[in-house]
C-alpha cells in the first residue's frame, strides 16, 4: 500500500510539473506569437505550483532530503547524536500537523470562494495544505519507525 502511495505522490509531482511547463509555454506563445493572452494560464500554473510545492515537500520528507545540520550531528557524541536523529522526524511531525490543521481551516474558509477567471473553487487549491501536511506527517512517522534512533 505504501508503494502505491509513494508512486502516486511522485507521479502527481511529475504530472504537475509537466502541466506547469506546457501551461507557461502556451502563455508565452499566446502573448508573443498570437499577440493575445490566454486569461486562464496564470491560474492553472499557480494552482499546479501550490500543489507541486506541498506534494514535493512530502516526497522530500519521504526521502529524508529536507534541510538538516548533518555536519553538526556527525560531530556529536553517540547519545546526543541519537537524540538529534530522533528529534528531526518528531519536529517534522509537529510542523506538518500544524500545516495540515491550519490548511484544513483555510480550505473550509475558502469553500465559498472561486477563482476569478476559471470559477474553480478556491478550496481545491487550498486542499494542497492539509493533503501535503498529512503526507509529510505520515512520511516523517515512517522515518521515525524505520530508522533506528
Foldseek 3Di string as FASTA:
>chain_A
DVVVVLVVLVVLLVVLVVLLVVLVVVQVCCCPPVVHGDPCSVVSNVLSVLLNVLSVLLNCLLVVNDDDPVVVLVVDPVVVNQVRQLVVLVVLLVVLVVQLVVLVVVLVVQQVPADDPPRHRVSSSSNSRNVSSVSNNVSSVVSNVPDRD
